[in-house]
Amino acid sequence: MGLTISKAHELMDKALDYRAARQDMISGNIANADTPFYRPKDIRFEEMLAQKSAALFGDKSKILPMARTDGAHLSGTADQSDLKPTIFFRDGHMARNDGNSVDLDVETTEMAKNSMMYNAIVAAKKKGTGIYKSVIDASAKTS
C-alpha cells in the first residue's frame, strides 16, 4: 500500500486502470479488423467511476428533479445504483461481406480520444503531486 496523497488520486488511479483496459480493447479491435465475423468490443466505466467518487467523497445525493411543464413530457430515468463497468459490442456499423463490423476510422478515433483522456489524467496527477513536492522542498529550505 502506497502513500495516499488525496482521495482524488485514488479515483484517478482507477480511471487510469479503466482507460488502459479500454486502450487494450480498442487495440484488439484493430488487430482483428480482418477476422471474419469479428464484432468490435468496448467498455463503459463512467458509471463505475461515479460510484467510486460517491464512495470516496460521500454521496451528496443532490438530485435536481426534472421539470415537467406538460403532462405529456417523459419523466426522468431512475438512478441505477448497481452499475458496474460493462463490456459491450459496438454495433451500428455495416458488416462487410465476411461479417466483420470493425470500422478502422471509428477505432482510431476512439483510440485517440482515449489516449487524450489518459494523458490528461496523468498530467493532473503530476500537477497534484508537484504541489506537494514544492511544499516539501520549500519547507526543507526554511529549516
C-alpha atoms as a PDB file:
ATOM      1  CA  MET A   1       0.000   0.000   0.000  1.00  0.00           C
ATOM      2  CA  GLY A   2       1.479   3.306  -1.071  1.00  0.00           C
ATOM      3  CA  LEU A   3       1.180   6.826   0.176  1.00  0.00           C
ATOM      4  CA  THR A   4      -2.274   8.283  -0.402  1.00  0.00           C
ATOM      5  CA  ILE A   5      -1.966  11.931  -1.335  1.00  0.00           C
ATOM      6  CA  SER A   6      -5.676  12.600  -1.675  1.00  0.00           C
ATOM      7  CA  LYS A   7      -8.941  10.854  -2.340  1.00  0.00           C
ATOM      8  CA  ALA A   8      -8.912  12.253  -5.869  1.00  0.00           C
ATOM      9  CA  HIS A   9      -5.660  10.421  -6.618  1.00  0.00           C
ATOM     10  CA  GLU A  10      -7.310   7.113  -5.752  1.00  0.00           C
ATOM     11  CA  LEU A  11     -10.119   7.929  -8.179  1.00  0.00           C
ATOM     12  CA  MET A  12      -7.611   8.951 -10.856  1.00  0.00           C
ATOM     13  CA  ASP A  13      -5.746   5.651 -10.378  1.00  0.00           C
ATOM     14  CA  LYS A  14      -8.978   3.769 -11.033  1.00  0.00           C
ATOM     15  CA  ALA A  15      -9.674   5.946 -14.090  1.00  0.00           C
ATOM     16  CA  LEU A  16      -6.187   5.199 -15.444  1.00  0.00           C
ATOM     17  CA  ASP A  17      -6.794   1.466 -14.990  1.00  0.00           C
ATOM     18  CA  TYR A  18     -10.050   1.659 -16.930  1.00  0.00           C
ATOM     19  CA  ARG A  19      -8.535   3.845 -19.666  1.00  0.00           C
ATOM     20  CA  ALA A  20      -5.685   1.318 -20.069  1.00  0.00           C
ATOM     21  CA  ALA A  21      -8.208  -1.545 -20.301  1.00  0.00           C
ATOM     22  CA  ARG A  22     -10.176   0.388 -22.926  1.00  0.00           C
ATOM     23  CA  GLN A  23      -6.983   1.064 -24.908  1.00  0.00           C
ATOM     24  CA  ASP A  24      -6.225  -2.677 -24.921  1.00  0.00           C
ATOM     25  CA  MET A  25      -9.758  -3.451 -26.059  1.00  0.00           C
ATOM     26  CA  ILE A  26      -9.587  -0.942 -28.924  1.00  0.00           C
ATOM     27  CA  SER A  27      -6.176  -2.321 -29.929  1.00  0.00           C
ATOM     28  CA  GLY A  28      -7.734  -5.775 -30.039  1.00  0.00           C
ATOM     29  CA  ASN A  29     -10.481  -4.476 -32.309  1.00  0.00           C
ATOM     30  CA  ILE A  30      -7.913  -3.017 -34.694  1.00  0.00           C
ATOM     31  CA  ALA A  31      -5.869  -6.237 -34.623  1.00  0.00           C
ATOM     32  CA  ASN A  32      -8.987  -8.196 -35.591  1.00  0.00           C
ATOM     33  CA  ALA A  33     -10.021  -5.894 -38.434  1.00  0.00           C
ATOM     34  CA  ASP A  34      -9.562  -8.754 -40.914  1.00  0.00           C
ATOM     35  CA  THR A  35     -11.008 -11.548 -38.742  1.00  0.00           C
ATOM     36  CA  PRO A  36     -14.242 -12.909 -40.234  1.00  0.00           C
ATOM     37  CA  PHE A  37     -17.386 -12.345 -38.125  1.00  0.00           C
ATOM     38  CA  TYR A  38     -15.494 -10.280 -35.525  1.00  0.00           C
ATOM     39  CA  ARG A  39     -17.568  -7.639 -33.736  1.00  0.00           C
ATOM     40  CA  PRO A  40     -15.760  -4.704 -32.090  1.00  0.00           C
ATOM     41  CA  LYS A  41     -15.933  -4.521 -28.287  1.00  0.00           C
ATOM     42  CA  ASP A  42     -15.834  -1.542 -25.959  1.00  0.00           C
ATOM     43  CA  ILE A  43     -16.131  -0.887 -22.235  1.00  0.00           C
ATOM     44  CA  ARG A  44     -18.308   1.529 -20.281  1.00  0.00           C
ATOM     45  CA  PHE A  45     -16.821   2.583 -16.975  1.00  0.00           C
ATOM     46  CA  GLU A  46     -18.041   6.125 -16.360  1.00  0.00           C
ATOM     47  CA  GLU A  47     -20.878   4.860 -14.152  1.00  0.00           C
ATOM     48  CA  MET A  48     -18.386   2.835 -12.103  1.00  0.00           C
ATOM     49  CA  LEU A  49     -16.189   5.901 -11.610  1.00  0.00           C
ATOM     50  CA  ALA A  50     -19.229   7.885 -10.471  1.00  0.00           C
ATOM     51  CA  GLN A  51     -19.923   5.191  -7.880  1.00  0.00           C
ATOM     52  CA  LYS A  52     -16.296   5.214  -6.762  1.00  0.00           C
ATOM     53  CA  SER A  53     -16.414   9.006  -6.494  1.00  0.00           C
ATOM     54  CA  ALA A  54     -19.569   8.850  -4.374  1.00  0.00           C
ATOM     55  CA  ALA A  55     -17.939   6.254  -2.111  1.00  0.00           C
ATOM     56  CA  LEU A  56     -14.749   8.311  -1.694  1.00  0.00           C
ATOM     57  CA  PHE A  57     -16.248  11.752  -1.249  1.00  0.00           C
ATOM     58  CA  GLY A  58     -19.528  10.783   0.346  1.00  0.00           C
ATOM     59  CA  ASP A  59     -22.783  10.545  -1.527  1.00  0.00           C
ATOM     60  CA  LYS A  60     -24.044  14.099  -1.835  1.00  0.00           C
ATOM     61  CA  SER A  61     -27.401  12.937  -3.256  1.00  0.00           C
ATOM     62  CA  LYS A  62     -28.172  16.360  -4.632  1.00  0.00           C
ATOM     63  CA  ILE A  63     -30.536  15.257  -7.321  1.00  0.00           C
ATOM     64  CA  LEU A  64     -32.195  18.016  -9.262  1.00  0.00           C
ATOM     65  CA  PRO A  65     -35.697  16.904 -10.214  1.00  0.00           C
ATOM     66  CA  MET A  66     -36.613  17.158 -13.859  1.00  0.00           C
ATOM     67  CA  ALA A  67     -39.120  19.923 -14.529  1.00  0.00           C
ATOM     68  CA  ARG A  68     -42.266  18.797 -16.322  1.00  0.00           C
ATOM     69  CA  THR A  69     -44.176  21.695 -17.794  1.00  0.00           C
ATOM     70  CA  ASP A  70     -46.590  19.443 -19.652  1.00  0.00           C
ATOM     71  CA  GLY A  71     -48.214  16.166 -18.660  1.00  0.00           C
ATOM     72  CA  ALA A  72     -47.058  14.631 -21.942  1.00  0.00           C
ATOM     73  CA  HIS A  73     -43.381  15.080 -21.053  1.00  0.00           C
ATOM     74  CA  LEU A  74     -41.412  11.964 -20.199  1.00  0.00           C
ATOM     75  CA  SER A  75     -40.261  11.535 -16.630  1.00  0.00           C
ATOM     76  CA  GLY A  76     -36.542  11.174 -15.903  1.00  0.00           C
ATOM     77  CA  THR A  77     -34.970   7.758 -15.566  1.00  0.00           C
ATOM     78  CA  ALA A  78     -34.455   6.298 -12.135  1.00  0.00           C
ATOM     79  CA  ASP A  79     -30.895   6.289 -10.824  1.00  0.00           C
ATOM     80  CA  GLN A  80     -29.315   2.860 -11.061  1.00  0.00           C
ATOM     81  CA  SER A  81     -27.139   2.155  -8.056  1.00  0.00           C
ATOM     82  CA  ASP A  82     -25.924  -1.324  -9.021  1.00  0.00           C
ATOM     83  CA  LEU A  83     -23.825  -0.306 -12.044  1.00  0.00           C
ATOM     84  CA  LYS A  84     -20.555  -1.987 -12.946  1.00  0.00           C
ATOM     85  CA  PRO A  85     -18.188  -1.492 -15.862  1.00  0.00           C
ATOM     86  CA  THR A  86     -19.694  -3.339 -18.760  1.00  0.00           C
ATOM     87  CA  ILE A  87     -18.214  -4.721 -21.937  1.00  0.00           C
ATOM     88  CA  PHE A  88     -20.457  -4.389 -24.940  1.00  0.00           C
ATOM     89  CA  PHE A  89     -20.317  -4.921 -28.672  1.00  0.00           C
ATOM     90  CA  ARG A  90     -20.050  -1.660 -30.565  1.00  0.00           C
ATOM     91  CA  ASP A  91     -22.547  -2.321 -33.328  1.00  0.00           C
ATOM     92  CA  GLY A  92     -24.234   0.035 -35.732  1.00  0.00           C
ATOM     93  CA  HIS A  93     -21.614  -0.220 -38.454  1.00  0.00           C
ATOM     94  CA  MET A  94     -22.243  -2.111 -41.621  1.00  0.00           C
ATOM     95  CA  ALA A  95     -20.677  -5.534 -41.611  1.00  0.00           C
ATOM     96  CA  ARG A  96     -18.549  -6.388 -44.594  1.00  0.00           C
ATOM     97  CA  ASN A  97     -19.108  -9.473 -46.712  1.00  0.00           C
ATOM     98  CA  ASP A  98     -17.053 -11.526 -44.230  1.00  0.00           C
ATOM     99  CA  GLY A  99     -19.308 -10.447 -41.315  1.00  0.00           C
ATOM    100  CA  ASN A 100     -16.651  -8.250 -39.700  1.00  0.00           C
ATOM    101  CA  SER A 101     -18.001  -4.897 -38.479  1.00  0.00           C
ATOM    102  CA  VAL A 102     -14.752  -3.206 -37.377  1.00  0.00           C
ATOM    103  CA  ASP A 103     -14.543   0.333 -38.773  1.00  0.00           C
ATOM    104  CA  LEU A 104     -10.901   1.474 -38.614  1.00  0.00           C
ATOM    105  CA  ASP A 105     -11.921   5.156 -38.687  1.00  0.00           C
ATOM    106  CA  VAL A 106     -14.103   4.685 -35.594  1.00  0.00           C
ATOM    107  CA  GLU A 107     -11.475   2.599 -33.802  1.00  0.00           C
ATOM    108  CA  THR A 108      -8.624   5.039 -34.418  1.00  0.00           C
ATOM    109  CA  THR A 109     -10.832   7.964 -33.366  1.00  0.00           C
ATOM    110  CA  GLU A 110     -11.835   6.191 -30.157  1.00  0.00           C
ATOM    111  CA  MET A 111      -8.194   5.299 -29.503  1.00  0.00           C
ATOM    112  CA  ALA A 112      -7.128   8.929 -29.934  1.00  0.00           C
ATOM    113  CA  LYS A 113      -9.890  10.158 -27.596  1.00  0.00           C
ATOM    114  CA  ASN A 114      -8.982   7.543 -25.009  1.00  0.00           C
ATOM    115  CA  SER A 115      -5.265   8.431 -25.243  1.00  0.00           C
ATOM    116  CA  MET A 116      -6.018  12.117 -24.718  1.00  0.00           C
ATOM    117  CA  MET A 117      -8.129  11.346 -21.649  1.00  0.00           C
ATOM    118  CA  TYR A 118      -5.400   9.076 -20.275  1.00  0.00           C
ATOM    119  CA  ASN A 119      -2.764  11.780 -20.801  1.00  0.00           C
ATOM    120  CA  ALA A 120      -4.999  14.409 -19.183  1.00  0.00           C
ATOM    121  CA  ILE A 121      -5.397  12.245 -16.073  1.00  0.00           C
ATOM    122  CA  VAL A 122      -1.630  11.629 -15.913  1.00  0.00           C
ATOM    123  CA  ALA A 123      -0.996  15.391 -16.238  1.00  0.00           C
ATOM    124  CA  ALA A 124      -3.486  16.114 -13.443  1.00  0.00           C
ATOM    125  CA  LYS A 125      -1.799  13.561 -11.196  1.00  0.00           C
ATOM    126  CA  LYS A 126       1.633  15.032 -11.920  1.00  0.00           C
ATOM    127  CA  LYS A 127       0.400  18.536 -11.183  1.00  0.00           C
ATOM    128  CA  GLY A 128      -1.157  17.415  -7.910  1.00  0.00           C
ATOM    129  CA  THR A 129       1.995  15.673  -6.746  1.00  0.00           C
ATOM    130  CA  GLY A 130       4.072  18.642  -7.931  1.00  0.00           C
ATOM    131  CA  ILE A 131       2.216  20.874  -5.496  1.00  0.00           C
ATOM    132  CA  TYR A 132       3.103  18.594  -2.582  1.00  0.00           C
ATOM    133  CA  LYS A 133       6.704  18.313  -3.784  1.00  0.00           C
ATOM    134  CA  SER A 134       7.061  22.107  -3.906  1.00  0.00           C
ATOM    135  CA  VAL A 135       5.687  22.406  -0.368  1.00  0.00           C
ATOM    136  CA  ILE A 136       8.166  19.810   0.876  1.00  0.00           C
ATOM    137  CA  ASP A 137      11.035  21.494  -0.967  1.00  0.00           C
ATOM    138  CA  ALA A 138      10.068  24.924   0.417  1.00  0.00           C
ATOM    139  CA  SER A 139       9.840  23.617   3.972  1.00  0.00           C
ATOM    140  CA  ALA A 140      13.266  21.982   3.631  1.00  0.00           C
ATOM    141  CA  LYS A 141      14.815  25.318   2.596  1.00  0.00           C
ATOM    142  CA  THR A 142      13.444  27.188   5.604  1.00  0.00           C
ATOM    143  CA  SER A 143      14.941  24.730   8.080  1.00  0.00           C
END
